[in-house]
């Protein structure tokens, strides 16, 4: 896992949204199901989304049975074995005294699922993730292909701040403890209150017939503030390190849609382009083949103008192959490049 990149500026409106991952103590969460009565459509879509399944106890994840079916195998000089228990998967390495207790599955499976566990009282990101598109376990992205110690064959130990941020972006109601995340109020997965803020007072007022306490409505933010909000988890440029070509300086940034989007001329010139221009925040992104994306492009770039410079859009074809290509990172991950542009092999 990589440390979150922070925005160069954060509007004050974000304060209570960020609170679940930055403050100590109990936060009054109502739970997503409390939102269903007044917001049934949003609730129904959101609870079917990848966001909602961004974190699960490992015993509730599809990789639980798959890990249990893994035979003992050699990794370096170690023999790795798996012991499936009611709430975790115990991983032992022959050259390591302490086993790893894998307790959490990070990721909904759209790209991959990474086990996270505890060894010796410290969180560890397991060395091997499951990639559904290939139906196999393989090296977790960002982990070195070769390691120097037997313990490193099991994964990378995560500092308290880093793992707190990881849980904070994959779950709802996470607070900072003294040395790591406080999960006592956590609800696995990104649900309503992760983006709208703790809603207990809002729900209680509504049930009592009173005017509901206002919550954060990201749809009312400026386009830049919306992207910054999504970027708190989906990553933003490092403060003071904005690049007009981020994917060239660091190819890994193609994973982080806000980084590319904010470097796009479309974003800079339109003043109203944001993540929600193309994506419904309550449901999964549409397939790349969906003509909806090209329709969104045409809301600013007319078909007649496109036809004038022999653009594929002039004949009703998708804009994405020419302006938002897909990029592979490693053998198993593929992302849409969100720096909207005319690629160099097509001309400038």
C-alpha atoms as a PDB file:
ATOM      1  CA  UNK A   1       0.000   0.000   0.000  1.00  0.00           C
ATOM      2  CA  UNK A   2       1.224   3.498  -0.760  1.00  0.00           C
ATOM      3  CA  UNK A   3       0.850   6.531   1.420  1.00  0.00           C
ATOM      4  CA  UNK A   4      -2.015   8.797   0.435  1.00  0.00           C
ATOM      5  CA  UNK A   5      -1.152  11.878  -1.508  1.00  0.00           C
ATOM      6  CA  UNK A   6      -2.699  14.999  -0.035  1.00  0.00           C
ATOM      7  CA  UNK A   7      -4.124  17.951  -1.931  1.00  0.00           C
ATOM      8  CA  UNK A   8      -2.246  21.213  -1.873  1.00  0.00           C
ATOM      9  CA  UNK A   9      -5.308  22.932  -0.415  1.00  0.00           C
ATOM     10  CA  UNK A  10      -8.316  21.547   1.418  1.00  0.00           C
ATOM     11  CA  UNK A  11     -11.485  23.607   1.643  1.00  0.00           C
ATOM     12  CA  UNK A  12     -12.939  23.950   5.130  1.00  0.00           C
ATOM     13  CA  UNK A  13     -16.033  22.111   3.963  1.00  0.00           C
ATOM     14  CA  UNK A  14     -13.945  18.922   4.036  1.00  0.00           C
ATOM     15  CA  UNK A  15     -13.261  19.103   7.761  1.00  0.00           C
ATOM     16  CA  UNK A  16     -16.110  16.912   8.954  1.00  0.00           C
ATOM     17  CA  UNK A  17     -15.720  14.588   5.964  1.00  0.00           C
ATOM     18  CA  UNK A  18     -12.097  13.952   6.863  1.00  0.00           C
ATOM     19  CA  UNK A  19     -12.851  13.593  10.573  1.00  0.00           C
ATOM     20  CA  UNK A  20     -13.430   9.801  10.492  1.00  0.00           C
ATOM     21  CA  UNK A  21      -9.781   9.208   9.675  1.00  0.00           C
ATOM     22  CA  UNK A  22      -8.196  12.089  11.547  1.00  0.00           C
ATOM     23  CA  UNK A  23      -9.757  12.348  15.012  1.00  0.00           C
ATOM     24  CA  UNK A  24      -9.865  10.317  18.189  1.00  0.00           C
ATOM     25  CA  UNK A  25     -12.991   9.194  20.000  1.00  0.00           C
ATOM     26  CA  UNK A  26     -16.422   7.957  19.074  1.00  0.00           C
ATOM     27  CA  UNK A  27     -18.134   9.243  15.941  1.00  0.00           C
ATOM     28  CA  UNK A  28     -21.960   9.108  15.799  1.00  0.00           C
ATOM     29  CA  UNK A  29     -22.598   6.936  12.751  1.00  0.00           C
ATOM     30  CA  UNK A  30     -26.065   5.739  11.842  1.00  0.00           C
ATOM     31  CA  UNK A  31     -25.122   3.063   9.296  1.00  0.00           C
ATOM     32  CA  UNK A  32     -26.009   2.941   5.619  1.00  0.00           C
ATOM     33  CA  UNK A  33     -29.237   1.038   6.253  1.00  0.00           C
ATOM     34  CA  UNK A  34     -30.577   4.068   8.159  1.00  0.00           C
ATOM     35  CA  UNK A  35     -30.345   6.056   4.908  1.00  0.00           C
ATOM     36  CA  UNK A  36     -32.451   3.598   2.899  1.00  0.00           C
ATOM     37  CA  UNK A  37     -35.845   4.861   4.060  1.00  0.00           C
ATOM     38  CA  UNK A  38     -35.430   8.349   2.592  1.00  0.00           C
ATOM     39  CA  UNK A  39     -32.899   7.575  -0.135  1.00  0.00           C
ATOM     40  CA  UNK A  40     -33.879   4.117  -1.440  1.00  0.00           C
ATOM     41  CA  UNK A  41     -32.483   4.483  -4.963  1.00  0.00           C
ATOM     42  CA  UNK A  42     -29.090   5.745  -3.843  1.00  0.00           C
ATOM     43  CA  UNK A  43     -28.915   3.097  -1.130  1.00  0.00           C
ATOM     44  CA  UNK A  44     -29.796   0.290  -3.550  1.00  0.00           C
ATOM     45  CA  UNK A  45     -27.155   1.364  -6.069  1.00  0.00           C
ATOM     46  CA  UNK A  46     -24.441   2.075  -3.538  1.00  0.00           C
ATOM     47  CA  UNK A  47     -24.758  -1.212  -1.666  1.00  0.00           C
ATOM     48  CA  UNK A  48     -24.229  -3.085  -4.950  1.00  0.00           C
ATOM     49  CA  UNK A  49     -21.106  -1.096  -5.826  1.00  0.00           C
ATOM     50  CA  UNK A  50     -17.430  -1.900  -5.663  1.00  0.00           C
ATOM     51  CA  UNK A  51     -17.039   0.942  -3.177  1.00  0.00           C
ATOM     52  CA  UNK A  52     -19.358  -0.826  -0.765  1.00  0.00           C
ATOM     53  CA  UNK A  53     -17.241  -3.985  -1.056  1.00  0.00           C
ATOM     54  CA  UNK A  54     -13.882  -2.216  -0.842  1.00  0.00           C
ATOM     55  CA  UNK A  55     -13.117  -3.964   2.451  1.00  0.00           C
ATOM     56  CA  UNK A  56     -14.455  -7.198   3.922  1.00  0.00           C
ATOM     57  CA  UNK A  57     -13.493  -9.493   6.757  1.00  0.00           C
ATOM     58  CA  UNK A  58     -11.477 -12.161   5.037  1.00  0.00           C
ATOM     59  CA  UNK A  59     -13.957 -14.858   6.055  1.00  0.00           C
ATOM     60  CA  UNK A  60     -16.627 -12.999   4.031  1.00  0.00           C
ATOM     61  CA  UNK A  61     -14.397 -12.611   0.989  1.00  0.00           C
ATOM     62  CA  UNK A  62     -14.162 -14.915  -2.031  1.00  0.00           C
ATOM     63  CA  UNK A  63     -10.453 -15.392  -1.339  1.00  0.00           C
ATOM     64  CA  UNK A  64     -11.159 -17.089   2.011  1.00  0.00           C
ATOM     65  CA  UNK A  65     -11.915 -20.460   0.427  1.00  0.00           C
ATOM     66  CA  UNK A  66      -9.273 -19.929  -2.261  1.00  0.00           C
ATOM     67  CA  UNK A  67      -6.548 -19.440   0.335  1.00  0.00           C
ATOM     68  CA  UNK A  68      -7.721 -22.548   2.146  1.00  0.00           C
ATOM     69  CA  UNK A  69      -7.360 -24.505  -1.055  1.00  0.00           C
ATOM     70  CA  UNK A  70      -3.772 -23.365  -1.592  1.00  0.00           C
ATOM     71  CA  UNK A  71      -1.340 -26.255  -1.178  1.00  0.00           C
ATOM     72  CA  UNK A  72       1.876 -25.867   0.763  1.00  0.00           C
ATOM     73  CA  UNK A  73       4.370 -24.278  -1.581  1.00  0.00           C
ATOM     74  CA  UNK A  74       7.921 -23.003  -1.681  1.00  0.00           C
ATOM     75  CA  UNK A  75       8.752 -19.296  -1.718  1.00  0.00           C
ATOM     76  CA  UNK A  76      12.498 -18.794  -1.682  1.00  0.00           C
ATOM     77  CA  UNK A  77      13.828 -21.008   1.095  1.00  0.00           C
ATOM     78  CA  UNK A  78      10.493 -21.051   2.900  1.00  0.00           C
ATOM     79  CA  UNK A  79       7.597 -23.452   2.771  1.00  0.00           C
ATOM     80  CA  UNK A  80       4.324 -21.517   3.027  1.00  0.00           C
ATOM     81  CA  UNK A  81       1.232 -23.177   4.514  1.00  0.00           C
ATOM     82  CA  UNK A  82      -2.332 -21.979   5.128  1.00  0.00           C
ATOM     83  CA  UNK A  83      -4.660 -22.797   8.012  1.00  0.00           C
ATOM     84  CA  UNK A  84      -8.243 -21.585   7.509  1.00  0.00           C
ATOM     85  CA  UNK A  85      -9.883 -20.720  10.818  1.00  0.00           C
ATOM     86  CA  UNK A  86     -13.377 -19.331  11.546  1.00  0.00           C
ATOM     87  CA  UNK A  87     -12.360 -15.660  11.327  1.00  0.00           C
ATOM     88  CA  UNK A  88      -8.930 -15.604   9.725  1.00  0.00           C
ATOM     89  CA  UNK A  89      -6.385 -17.474   7.676  1.00  0.00           C
ATOM     90  CA  UNK A  90      -3.163 -18.324   9.476  1.00  0.00           C
ATOM     91  CA  UNK A  91      -0.128 -18.298   7.198  1.00  0.00           C
ATOM     92  CA  UNK A  92       3.061 -19.957   8.341  1.00  0.00           C
ATOM     93  CA  UNK A  93       6.487 -19.805   6.776  1.00  0.00           C
ATOM     94  CA  UNK A  94       9.026 -22.439   7.706  1.00  0.00           C
ATOM     95  CA  UNK A  95      11.768 -19.872   8.262  1.00  0.00           C
ATOM     96  CA  UNK A  96       9.684 -17.474  10.383  1.00  0.00           C
ATOM     97  CA  UNK A  97       8.807 -17.880  14.073  1.00  0.00           C
ATOM     98  CA  UNK A  98       5.535 -15.886  14.076  1.00  0.00           C
ATOM     99  CA  UNK A  99       2.637 -16.783  11.725  1.00  0.00           C
ATOM    100  CA  UNK A 100       0.590 -14.098   9.975  1.00  0.00           C
ATOM    101  CA  UNK A 101      -3.117 -13.874  10.794  1.00  0.00           C
ATOM    102  CA  UNK A 102      -4.830 -12.671   7.599  1.00  0.00           C
ATOM    103  CA  UNK A 103      -8.000 -10.917   8.768  1.00  0.00           C
ATOM    104  CA  UNK A 104      -9.042  -8.466   6.039  1.00  0.00           C
ATOM    105  CA  UNK A 105      -9.535  -8.495   2.278  1.00  0.00           C
ATOM    106  CA  UNK A 106      -8.872  -5.115   0.655  1.00  0.00           C
ATOM    107  CA  UNK A 107     -10.463  -4.540  -2.740  1.00  0.00           C
ATOM    108  CA  UNK A 108     -13.787  -5.476  -4.284  1.00  0.00           C
ATOM    109  CA  UNK A 109     -12.199  -7.654  -6.947  1.00  0.00           C
ATOM    110  CA  UNK A 110     -12.659  -5.341  -9.925  1.00  0.00           C
ATOM    111  CA  UNK A 111      -8.856  -5.361 -10.207  1.00  0.00           C
ATOM    112  CA  UNK A 112      -7.604  -7.453  -7.320  1.00  0.00           C
ATOM    113  CA  UNK A 113      -8.055  -8.443  -3.686  1.00  0.00           C
ATOM    114  CA  UNK A 114      -5.188  -8.028  -1.246  1.00  0.00           C
ATOM    115  CA  UNK A 115      -5.125  -9.810   2.138  1.00  0.00           C
ATOM    116  CA  UNK A 116      -4.030  -7.769   5.136  1.00  0.00           C
ATOM    117  CA  UNK A 117      -3.226  -9.295   8.485  1.00  0.00           C
ATOM    118  CA  UNK A 118      -1.352  -8.983  11.731  1.00  0.00           C
ATOM    119  CA  UNK A 119       1.980 -10.431  12.793  1.00  0.00           C
ATOM    120  CA  UNK A 120       3.521  -9.677  16.159  1.00  0.00           C
ATOM    121  CA  UNK A 121       0.937  -6.955  16.815  1.00  0.00           C
ATOM    122  CA  UNK A 122       1.680  -5.066  13.588  1.00  0.00           C
ATOM    123  CA  UNK A 123      -0.315  -4.868  10.377  1.00  0.00           C
ATOM    124  CA  UNK A 124       1.180  -6.514   7.321  1.00  0.00           C
ATOM    125  CA  UNK A 125       0.149  -6.332   3.663  1.00  0.00           C
ATOM    126  CA  UNK A 126       0.387  -9.875   2.350  1.00  0.00           C
ATOM    127  CA  UNK A 127       2.871 -10.509  -0.420  1.00  0.00           C
ATOM    128  CA  UNK A 128       0.336 -12.171  -2.704  1.00  0.00           C
ATOM    129  CA  UNK A 129      -2.958 -10.791  -3.997  1.00  0.00           C
ATOM    130  CA  UNK A 130      -5.743 -12.467  -5.906  1.00  0.00           C
ATOM    131  CA  UNK A 131      -6.390 -11.215  -9.454  1.00  0.00           C
ATOM    132  CA  UNK A 132      -9.891 -12.278 -10.582  1.00  0.00           C
ATOM    133  CA  UNK A 133      -9.279 -11.558 -14.259  1.00  0.00           C
ATOM    134  CA  UNK A 134      -6.512 -14.162 -14.204  1.00  0.00           C
ATOM    135  CA  UNK A 135      -8.121 -16.330 -11.508  1.00  0.00           C
ATOM    136  CA  UNK A 136      -4.839 -16.641  -9.651  1.00  0.00           C
ATOM    137  CA  UNK A 137      -2.728 -15.356  -6.786  1.00  0.00           C
ATOM    138  CA  UNK A 138       0.359 -13.377  -7.775  1.00  0.00           C
ATOM    139  CA  UNK A 139       2.719 -10.797  -6.354  1.00  0.00           C
ATOM    140  CA  UNK A 140       0.935  -7.849  -4.785  1.00  0.00           C
ATOM    141  CA  UNK A 141       1.466  -4.718  -6.854  1.00  0.00           C
ATOM    142  CA  UNK A 142       4.338  -2.630  -5.476  1.00  0.00           C
ATOM    143  CA  UNK A 143       6.059  -5.531  -3.714  1.00  0.00           C
ATOM    144  CA  UNK A 144       9.609  -6.391  -4.761  1.00  0.00           C
ATOM    145  CA  UNK A 145      10.151  -9.536  -6.799  1.00  0.00           C
ATOM    146  CA  UNK A 146      13.032 -10.563  -4.545  1.00  0.00           C
ATOM    147  CA  UNK A 147      13.301 -10.165  -0.790  1.00  0.00           C
ATOM    148  CA  UNK A 148      16.241 -10.336   1.583  1.00  0.00           C
ATOM    149  CA  UNK A 149      14.723 -12.073   4.620  1.00  0.00           C
ATOM    150  CA  UNK A 150      12.396 -15.036   5.227  1.00  0.00           C
ATOM    151  CA  UNK A 151       9.854 -12.794   6.955  1.00  0.00           C
ATOM    152  CA  UNK A 152       9.692 -10.517   3.937  1.00  0.00           C
ATOM    153  CA  UNK A 153       8.359 -13.503   1.976  1.00  0.00           C
ATOM    154  CA  UNK A 154       5.102 -12.912   3.872  1.00  0.00           C
ATOM    155  CA  UNK A 155       4.656  -9.242   3.014  1.00  0.00           C
ATOM    156  CA  UNK A 156       5.369  -5.649   3.982  1.00  0.00           C
ATOM    157  CA  UNK A 157       4.828  -4.338   7.502  1.00  0.00           C
ATOM    158  CA  UNK A 158       2.749  -1.157   7.482  1.00  0.00           C
ATOM    159  CA  UNK A 159       3.341   1.845   9.767  1.00  0.00           C
ATOM    160  CA  UNK A 160       0.396   2.956  11.888  1.00  0.00           C
ATOM    161  CA  UNK A 161      -0.322   6.126   9.893  1.00  0.00           C
ATOM    162  CA  UNK A 162      -0.217   4.342   6.553  1.00  0.00           C
ATOM    163  CA  UNK A 163      -2.501   1.472   7.549  1.00  0.00           C
ATOM    164  CA  UNK A 164      -4.897   3.936   9.191  1.00  0.00           C
ATOM    165  CA  UNK A 165      -5.196   5.726   5.867  1.00  0.00           C
ATOM    166  CA  UNK A 166      -5.711   2.400   4.093  1.00  0.00           C
ATOM    167  CA  UNK A 167      -8.574   1.417   6.380  1.00  0.00           C
ATOM    168  CA  UNK A 168      -9.916   4.962   6.283  1.00  0.00           C
ATOM    169  CA  UNK A 169     -10.335   4.861   2.506  1.00  0.00           C
ATOM    170  CA  UNK A 170     -11.670   1.307   2.296  1.00  0.00           C
ATOM    171  CA  UNK A 171     -14.114   1.564   5.187  1.00  0.00           C
ATOM    172  CA  UNK A 172     -16.445   3.904   7.056  1.00  0.00           C
ATOM    173  CA  UNK A 173     -16.081   5.116  10.623  1.00  0.00           C
ATOM    174  CA  UNK A 174     -12.338   4.569  11.016  1.00  0.00           C
ATOM    175  CA  UNK A 175     -10.569   6.778  13.554  1.00  0.00           C
ATOM    176  CA  UNK A 176      -6.919   7.209  14.423  1.00  0.00           C
ATOM    177  CA  UNK A 177      -5.752   5.307  17.453  1.00  0.00           C
ATOM    178  CA  UNK A 178      -2.534   5.832  19.356  1.00  0.00           C
ATOM    179  CA  UNK A 179      -0.455   3.569  17.106  1.00  0.00           C
ATOM    180  CA  UNK A 180      -2.785   2.693  14.232  1.00  0.00           C
ATOM    181  CA  UNK A 181      -6.426   2.556  13.207  1.00  0.00           C
ATOM    182  CA  UNK A 182      -9.233   2.389  15.750  1.00  0.00           C
ATOM    183  CA  UNK A 183     -11.741   0.002  14.177  1.00  0.00           C
ATOM    184  CA  UNK A 184     -14.228  -0.038  17.049  1.00  0.00           C
ATOM    185  CA  UNK A 185     -16.804   2.025  15.082  1.00  0.00           C
ATOM    186  CA  UNK A 186     -15.778   0.792  11.645  1.00  0.00           C
ATOM    187  CA  UNK A 187     -18.167  -0.515   9.041  1.00  0.00           C
ATOM    188  CA  UNK A 188     -16.246  -2.331   6.284  1.00  0.00           C
ATOM    189  CA  UNK A 189     -16.611  -0.802   2.860  1.00  0.00           C
ATOM    190  CA  UNK A 190     -17.252   2.718   1.607  1.00  0.00           C
ATOM    191  CA  UNK A 191     -20.848   3.493   2.531  1.00  0.00           C
ATOM    192  CA  UNK A 192     -22.979   6.651   2.691  1.00  0.00           C
ATOM    193  CA  UNK A 193     -21.313   8.258   5.691  1.00  0.00           C
ATOM    194  CA  UNK A 194     -17.797   7.893   4.311  1.00  0.00           C
ATOM    195  CA  UNK A 195     -18.586  10.690   1.847  1.00  0.00           C
ATOM    196  CA  UNK A 196     -21.500  12.517   3.486  1.00  0.00           C
ATOM    197  CA  UNK A 197     -20.256  12.476   7.071  1.00  0.00           C
ATOM    198  CA  UNK A 198     -21.616  10.897  10.293  1.00  0.00           C
ATOM    199  CA  UNK A 199     -25.406  10.921  10.027  1.00  0.00           C
ATOM    200  CA  UNK A 200     -26.806   9.905  13.418  1.00  0.00           C
ATOM    201  CA  UNK A 201     -28.004  13.436  14.247  1.00  0.00           C
ATOM    202  CA  UNK A 202     -29.378  13.818  10.703  1.00  0.00           C
ATOM    203  CA  UNK A 203     -31.342  10.556  10.925  1.00  0.00           C
ATOM    204  CA  UNK A 204     -32.610  11.222  14.471  1.00  0.00           C
ATOM    205  CA  UNK A 205     -33.932  14.645  13.472  1.00  0.00           C
ATOM    206  CA  UNK A 206     -35.656  13.218  10.395  1.00  0.00           C
ATOM    207  CA  UNK A 207     -37.322  10.475  12.436  1.00  0.00           C
ATOM    208  CA  UNK A 208     -38.533  13.053  14.957  1.00  0.00           C
ATOM    209  CA  UNK A 209     -40.100  15.181  12.246  1.00  0.00           C
ATOM    210  CA  UNK A 210     -37.526  17.926  12.733  1.00  0.00           C
ATOM    211  CA  UNK A 211     -35.466  19.646  10.083  1.00  0.00           C
ATOM    212  CA  UNK A 212     -32.585  17.236   9.382  1.00  0.00           C
ATOM    213  CA  UNK A 213     -29.110  18.335  10.406  1.00  0.00           C
ATOM    214  CA  UNK A 214     -27.327  19.159   7.130  1.00  0.00           C
ATOM    215  CA  UNK A 215     -24.775  16.682   5.776  1.00  0.00           C
ATOM    216  CA  UNK A 216     -22.067  17.253   3.227  1.00  0.00           C
ATOM    217  CA  UNK A 217     -23.478  17.072  -0.301  1.00  0.00           C
ATOM    218  CA  UNK A 218     -20.502  16.642  -2.653  1.00  0.00           C
ATOM    219  CA  UNK A 219     -22.759  17.412  -5.617  1.00  0.00           C
ATOM    220  CA  UNK A 220     -22.894  21.033  -4.460  1.00  0.00           C
ATOM    221  CA  UNK A 221     -19.134  21.479  -4.396  1.00  0.00           C
ATOM    222  CA  UNK A 222     -17.227  23.139  -7.196  1.00  0.00           C
ATOM    223  CA  UNK A 223     -15.798  20.783  -9.791  1.00  0.00           C
ATOM    224  CA  UNK A 224     -12.282  21.194  -8.407  1.00  0.00           C
ATOM    225  CA  UNK A 225     -13.462  20.549  -4.855  1.00  0.00           C
ATOM    226  CA  UNK A 226     -15.279  17.401  -6.030  1.00  0.00           C
ATOM    227  CA  UNK A 227     -12.119  16.061  -7.632  1.00  0.00           C
ATOM    228  CA  UNK A 228     -10.113  16.942  -4.531  1.00  0.00           C
ATOM    229  CA  UNK A 229     -12.622  15.088  -2.397  1.00  0.00           C
ATOM    230  CA  UNK A 230     -12.476  11.943  -4.528  1.00  0.00           C
ATOM    231  CA  UNK A 231      -8.714  12.376  -4.658  1.00  0.00           C
ATOM    232  CA  UNK A 232      -8.378  12.033  -0.898  1.00  0.00           C
ATOM    233  CA  UNK A 233      -8.668   8.294  -1.557  1.00  0.00           C
ATOM    234  CA  UNK A 234      -8.085   8.028  -5.291  1.00  0.00           C
ATOM    235  CA  UNK A 235      -4.945  10.191  -4.903  1.00  0.00           C
ATOM    236  CA  UNK A 236      -3.929  13.709  -5.828  1.00  0.00           C
ATOM    237  CA  UNK A 237      -0.674  15.295  -6.981  1.00  0.00           C
ATOM    238  CA  UNK A 238       1.903  15.816  -4.258  1.00  0.00           C
ATOM    239  CA  UNK A 239       1.725  19.375  -2.903  1.00  0.00           C
ATOM    240  CA  UNK A 240       3.985  21.601  -4.968  1.00  0.00           C
ATOM    241  CA  UNK A 241       4.748  18.799  -7.417  1.00  0.00           C
ATOM    242  CA  UNK A 242       2.092  19.239 -10.106  1.00  0.00           C
ATOM    243  CA  UNK A 243       3.124  17.738 -13.445  1.00  0.00           C
ATOM    244  CA  UNK A 244       1.524  18.402 -16.833  1.00  0.00           C
ATOM    245  CA  UNK A 245       2.491  14.850 -17.859  1.00  0.00           C
ATOM    246  CA  UNK A 246       2.267  12.807 -14.649  1.00  0.00           C
ATOM    247  CA  UNK A 247       2.105   9.443 -16.398  1.00  0.00           C
ATOM    248  CA  UNK A 248       5.505  10.094 -17.982  1.00  0.00           C
ATOM    249  CA  UNK A 249       7.216  11.203 -14.789  1.00  0.00           C
ATOM    250  CA  UNK A 250       5.692   8.306 -12.834  1.00  0.00           C
ATOM    251  CA  UNK A 251       3.778   5.670 -14.856  1.00  0.00           C
ATOM    252  CA  UNK A 252       2.110   4.377 -11.674  1.00  0.00           C
ATOM    253  CA  UNK A 253       0.022   7.559 -11.492  1.00  0.00           C
ATOM    254  CA  UNK A 254      -2.238   6.166 -14.207  1.00  0.00           C
ATOM    255  CA  UNK A 255      -3.864   4.276 -11.318  1.00  0.00           C
ATOM    256  CA  UNK A 256      -4.910   7.583  -9.796  1.00  0.00           C
ATOM    257  CA  UNK A 257      -7.589   9.134 -11.983  1.00  0.00           C
ATOM    258  CA  UNK A 258      -7.666  12.564 -10.269  1.00  0.00           C
ATOM    259  CA  UNK A 259      -3.950  13.077 -10.942  1.00  0.00           C
ATOM    260  CA  UNK A 260      -4.408  12.669 -14.679  1.00  0.00           C
ATOM    261  CA  UNK A 261      -7.734  14.483 -14.814  1.00  0.00           C
ATOM    262  CA  UNK A 262      -6.378  17.580 -13.077  1.00  0.00           C
ATOM    263  CA  UNK A 263      -3.513  17.704 -15.596  1.00  0.00           C
ATOM    264  CA  UNK A 264      -5.959  17.667 -18.532  1.00  0.00           C
ATOM    265  CA  UNK A 265      -6.670  20.739 -20.612  1.00  0.00           C
ATOM    266  CA  UNK A 266     -10.333  19.741 -20.506  1.00  0.00           C
ATOM    267  CA  UNK A 267     -10.288  20.101 -16.727  1.00  0.00           C
ATOM    268  CA  UNK A 268      -8.338  23.361 -16.714  1.00  0.00           C
ATOM    269  CA  UNK A 269     -10.375  25.083 -19.415  1.00  0.00           C
ATOM    270  CA  UNK A 270     -13.907  23.854 -18.725  1.00  0.00           C
ATOM    271  CA  UNK A 271     -14.073  24.886 -15.049  1.00  0.00           C
ATOM    272  CA  UNK A 272     -16.928  22.408 -14.616  1.00  0.00           C
ATOM    273  CA  UNK A 273     -15.426  18.995 -15.391  1.00  0.00           C
ATOM    274  CA  UNK A 274     -15.307  16.669 -12.392  1.00  0.00           C
ATOM    275  CA  UNK A 275     -15.439  12.963 -11.589  1.00  0.00           C
ATOM    276  CA  UNK A 276     -19.243  13.061 -11.482  1.00  0.00           C
ATOM    277  CA  UNK A 277     -19.399  14.467 -15.008  1.00  0.00           C
ATOM    278  CA  UNK A 278     -18.940  10.877 -16.197  1.00  0.00           C
ATOM    279  CA  UNK A 279     -19.453   8.734 -13.089  1.00  0.00           C
ATOM    280  CA  UNK A 280     -22.372   8.248 -10.728  1.00  0.00           C
ATOM    281  CA  UNK A 281     -20.730   8.248  -7.298  1.00  0.00           C
ATOM    282  CA  UNK A 282     -23.269   5.717  -6.023  1.00  0.00           C
ATOM    283  CA  UNK A 283     -22.532   2.956  -8.543  1.00  0.00           C
ATOM    284  CA  UNK A 284     -19.736   1.363 -10.508  1.00  0.00           C
ATOM    285  CA  UNK A 285     -18.180   3.114 -13.457  1.00  0.00           C
ATOM    286  CA  UNK A 286     -19.864   2.258 -16.732  1.00  0.00           C
ATOM    287  CA  UNK A 287     -18.050  -0.103 -19.114  1.00  0.00           C
ATOM    288  CA  UNK A 288     -15.613   1.613 -21.468  1.00  0.00           C
ATOM    289  CA  UNK A 289     -17.757   0.502 -24.375  1.00  0.00           C
ATOM    290  CA  UNK A 290     -20.688   2.603 -23.156  1.00  0.00           C
ATOM    291  CA  UNK A 291     -21.456   5.456 -25.569  1.00  0.00           C
ATOM    292  CA  UNK A 292     -22.390   7.589 -22.568  1.00  0.00           C
ATOM    293  CA  UNK A 293     -18.762   8.728 -22.257  1.00  0.00           C
ATOM    294  CA  UNK A 294     -18.671  10.018 -25.817  1.00  0.00           C
ATOM    295  CA  UNK A 295     -21.961  11.782 -25.205  1.00  0.00           C
ATOM    296  CA  UNK A 296     -20.370  13.577 -22.295  1.00  0.00           C
ATOM    297  CA  UNK A 297     -17.467  14.616 -24.515  1.00  0.00           C
ATOM    298  CA  UNK A 298     -19.921  15.904 -27.105  1.00  0.00           C
ATOM    299  CA  UNK A 299     -21.558  18.157 -24.544  1.00  0.00           C
ATOM    300  CA  UNK A 300     -18.486  20.387 -25.012  1.00  0.00           C
ATOM    301  CA  UNK A 301     -17.005  19.082 -28.274  1.00  0.00           C
ATOM    302  CA  UNK A 302     -19.674  19.061 -30.954  1.00  0.00           C
ATOM    303  CA  UNK A 303     -19.876  16.368 -33.619  1.00  0.00           C
ATOM    304  CA  UNK A 304     -19.592  19.009 -36.324  1.00  0.00           C
ATOM    305  CA  UNK A 305     -16.299  20.258 -34.869  1.00  0.00           C
ATOM    306  CA  UNK A 306     -15.089  16.686 -34.525  1.00  0.00           C
ATOM    307  CA  UNK A 307     -15.929  15.962 -38.147  1.00  0.00           C
ATOM    308  CA  UNK A 308     -13.946  19.042 -39.165  1.00  0.00           C
ATOM    309  CA  UNK A 309     -10.668  17.455 -38.130  1.00  0.00           C
ATOM    310  CA  UNK A 310     -11.469  13.885 -39.119  1.00  0.00           C
ATOM    311  CA  UNK A 311     -12.127  12.783 -35.550  1.00  0.00           C
ATOM    312  CA  UNK A 312     -13.619   9.315 -35.090  1.00  0.00           C
ATOM    313  CA  UNK A 313     -16.413  10.956 -33.117  1.00  0.00           C
ATOM    314  CA  UNK A 314     -17.622  12.511 -36.353  1.00  0.00           C
ATOM    315  CA  UNK A 315     -18.653   9.021 -37.451  1.00  0.00           C
ATOM    316  CA  UNK A 316     -20.189   8.119 -34.102  1.00  0.00           C
ATOM    317  CA  UNK A 317     -17.244   6.130 -32.756  1.00  0.00           C
ATOM    318  CA  UNK A 318     -15.996   6.162 -29.176  1.00  0.00           C
ATOM    319  CA  UNK A 319     -13.732   8.987 -28.035  1.00  0.00           C
ATOM    320  CA  UNK A 320     -11.847   6.857 -25.524  1.00  0.00           C
ATOM    321  CA  UNK A 321      -9.424   4.934 -27.803  1.00  0.00           C
ATOM    322  CA  UNK A 322      -7.959   8.213 -29.057  1.00  0.00           C
ATOM    323  CA  UNK A 323      -8.184  10.371 -25.939  1.00  0.00           C
ATOM    324  CA  UNK A 324      -8.361   8.115 -22.860  1.00  0.00           C
ATOM    325  CA  UNK A 325      -6.485   4.910 -23.548  1.00  0.00           C
ATOM    326  CA  UNK A 326      -6.038   2.014 -21.180  1.00  0.00           C
ATOM    327  CA  UNK A 327      -2.643   1.323 -19.664  1.00  0.00           C
ATOM    328  CA  UNK A 328      -1.394  -1.916 -18.143  1.00  0.00           C
ATOM    329  CA  UNK A 329       0.620  -1.904 -14.941  1.00  0.00           C
ATOM    330  CA  UNK A 330       2.300  -5.251 -14.602  1.00  0.00           C
ATOM    331  CA  UNK A 331       0.682  -8.436 -15.783  1.00  0.00           C
ATOM    332  CA  UNK A 332      -2.693  -8.125 -14.070  1.00  0.00           C
ATOM    333  CA  UNK A 333      -3.764  -4.495 -13.695  1.00  0.00           C
ATOM    334  CA  UNK A 334      -5.239  -2.234 -16.356  1.00  0.00           C
ATOM    335  CA  UNK A 335      -6.423   1.344 -15.851  1.00  0.00           C
ATOM    336  CA  UNK A 336      -8.004   4.056 -17.963  1.00  0.00           C
ATOM    337  CA  UNK A 337      -5.642   6.998 -18.397  1.00  0.00           C
ATOM    338  CA  UNK A 338      -7.597  10.045 -17.218  1.00  0.00           C
ATOM    339  CA  UNK A 339      -5.251  12.678 -18.638  1.00  0.00           C
ATOM    340  CA  UNK A 340      -7.549  13.500 -21.542  1.00  0.00           C
ATOM    341  CA  UNK A 341      -5.490  14.436 -24.587  1.00  0.00           C
ATOM    342  CA  UNK A 342      -4.601  13.716 -28.191  1.00  0.00           C
ATOM    343  CA  UNK A 343      -1.871  11.105 -27.963  1.00  0.00           C
ATOM    344  CA  UNK A 344       1.438  11.880 -29.574  1.00  0.00           C
ATOM    345  CA  UNK A 345       1.120   9.114 -32.133  1.00  0.00           C
ATOM    346  CA  UNK A 346      -2.050  10.791 -33.345  1.00  0.00           C
ATOM    347  CA  UNK A 347      -0.585  14.273 -33.587  1.00  0.00           C
ATOM    348  CA  UNK A 348      -0.835  17.306 -31.303  1.00  0.00           C
END
